[in-house]
Amino acid sequence: MRRWFYTQLERVLLRLPVKSWCKVGGSVYTVDKKHSHKFREFLKRFDGPELEWYEFKIRD
């Protein structure tokens, strides 16, 4: 399941504009707000005891 998740995650990220997301480290990503809905929709499909995800807003 984990391998499938990361394969799907990569597909979602590759569909986003190149400069609209960045892998910070481990499983931490930053995604531009205007593209974050696609990323969020993907993560919600896996919401449950196996996966915890958090959303933070970064101000500049």
C-alpha atoms as a PDB file:
ATOM      1  CA  MET A   1       0.000   0.000   0.000  1.00  0.00           C
ATOM      2  CA  ARG A   2       2.798   2.431   0.887  1.00  0.00           C
ATOM      3  CA  ARG A   3       4.535   2.008  -2.461  1.00  0.00           C
ATOM      4  CA  TRP A   4       1.247   2.539  -4.313  1.00  0.00           C
ATOM      5  CA  PHE A   5       0.596   5.694  -2.269  1.00  0.00           C
ATOM      6  CA  TYR A   6       3.951   7.216  -3.177  1.00  0.00           C
ATOM      7  CA  THR A   7       3.502   6.321  -6.848  1.00  0.00           C
ATOM      8  CA  GLN A   8       0.132   8.092  -6.852  1.00  0.00           C
ATOM      9  CA  LEU A   9       1.590  11.036  -4.930  1.00  0.00           C
ATOM     10  CA  GLU A  10       4.314  11.431  -7.534  1.00  0.00           C
ATOM     11  CA  ARG A  11       1.712  11.432 -10.318  1.00  0.00           C
ATOM     12  CA  VAL A  12      -0.300  14.177  -8.599  1.00  0.00           C
ATOM     13  CA  LEU A  13       2.798  16.309  -8.061  1.00  0.00           C
ATOM     14  CA  LEU A  14       4.027  15.866 -11.628  1.00  0.00           C
ATOM     15  CA  ARG A  15       0.675  17.181 -12.926  1.00  0.00           C
ATOM     16  CA  LEU A  16       1.187  20.422 -11.010  1.00  0.00           C
ATOM     17  CA  PRO A  17       3.289  23.240 -12.481  1.00  0.00           C
ATOM     18  CA  VAL A  18       6.983  22.631 -11.753  1.00  0.00           C
ATOM     19  CA  LYS A  19       7.568  25.647  -9.497  1.00  0.00           C
ATOM     20  CA  SER A  20       4.267  25.278  -7.594  1.00  0.00           C
ATOM     21  CA  TRP A  21       5.500  22.629  -5.160  1.00  0.00           C
ATOM     22  CA  CYS A  22       8.666  21.664  -3.321  1.00  0.00           C
ATOM     23  CA  LYS A  23       9.693  18.660  -1.246  1.00  0.00           C
ATOM     24  CA  VAL A  24      11.064  20.023   2.020  1.00  0.00           C
ATOM     25  CA  GLY A  25      12.241  16.682   3.375  1.00  0.00           C
ATOM     26  CA  GLY A  26      10.967  13.258   4.300  1.00  0.00           C
ATOM     27  CA  SER A  27       7.254  13.405   3.562  1.00  0.00           C
ATOM     28  CA  VAL A  28       6.948  17.184   3.871  1.00  0.00           C
ATOM     29  CA  TYR A  29       5.911  19.224   0.853  1.00  0.00           C
ATOM     30  CA  THR A  30       5.028  22.847   0.231  1.00  0.00           C
ATOM     31  CA  VAL A  31       2.382  23.497  -2.426  1.00  0.00           C
ATOM     32  CA  ASP A  32       1.228  26.880  -3.725  1.00  0.00           C
ATOM     33  CA  LYS A  33      -2.217  27.727  -2.421  1.00  0.00           C
ATOM     34  CA  LYS A  34      -3.733  27.995  -5.916  1.00  0.00           C
ATOM     35  CA  HIS A  35      -2.725  24.374  -6.648  1.00  0.00           C
ATOM     36  CA  SER A  36      -3.151  22.907  -3.179  1.00  0.00           C
ATOM     37  CA  HIS A  37      -6.757  21.749  -3.737  1.00  0.00           C
ATOM     38  CA  LYS A  38      -5.573  18.919  -6.032  1.00  0.00           C
ATOM     39  CA  PHE A  39      -2.975  17.877  -3.478  1.00  0.00           C
ATOM     40  CA  ARG A  40      -5.498  18.055  -0.635  1.00  0.00           C
ATOM     41  CA  GLU A  41      -8.095  16.019  -2.595  1.00  0.00           C
ATOM     42  CA  PHE A  42      -5.493  13.298  -3.120  1.00  0.00           C
ATOM     43  CA  LEU A  43      -4.592  13.141   0.583  1.00  0.00           C
ATOM     44  CA  LYS A  44      -8.234  13.032   1.698  1.00  0.00           C
ATOM     45  CA  ARG A  45      -8.679   9.787  -0.250  1.00  0.00           C
ATOM     46  CA  PHE A  46      -6.269   8.144   2.205  1.00  0.00           C
ATOM     47  CA  ASP A  47      -7.509   9.750   5.416  1.00  0.00           C
ATOM     48  CA  GLY A  48      -7.655   7.173   8.171  1.00  0.00           C
ATOM     49  CA  PRO A  49      -5.599   5.377  10.816  1.00  0.00           C
ATOM     50  CA  GLU A  50      -2.822   4.517   8.334  1.00  0.00           C
ATOM     51  CA  LEU A  51      -2.112   8.116   7.310  1.00  0.00           C
ATOM     52  CA  GLU A  52      -1.952  11.368   9.222  1.00  0.00           C
ATOM     53  CA  TRP A  53      -1.520  14.610   7.348  1.00  0.00           C
ATOM     54  CA  TYR A  54      -1.369  18.182   8.483  1.00  0.00           C
ATOM     55  CA  GLU A  55      -1.894  21.433   6.656  1.00  0.00           C
ATOM     56  CA  PHE A  56      -0.123  24.656   7.558  1.00  0.00           C
ATOM     57  CA  LYS A  57      -0.214  28.048   5.876  1.00  0.00           C
ATOM     58  CA  ILE A  58       3.108  29.802   5.364  1.00  0.00           C
ATOM     59  CA  ARG A  59       3.118  33.561   5.150  1.00  0.00           C
ATOM     60  CA  ASP A  60       5.932  35.472   3.515  1.00  0.00           C
END
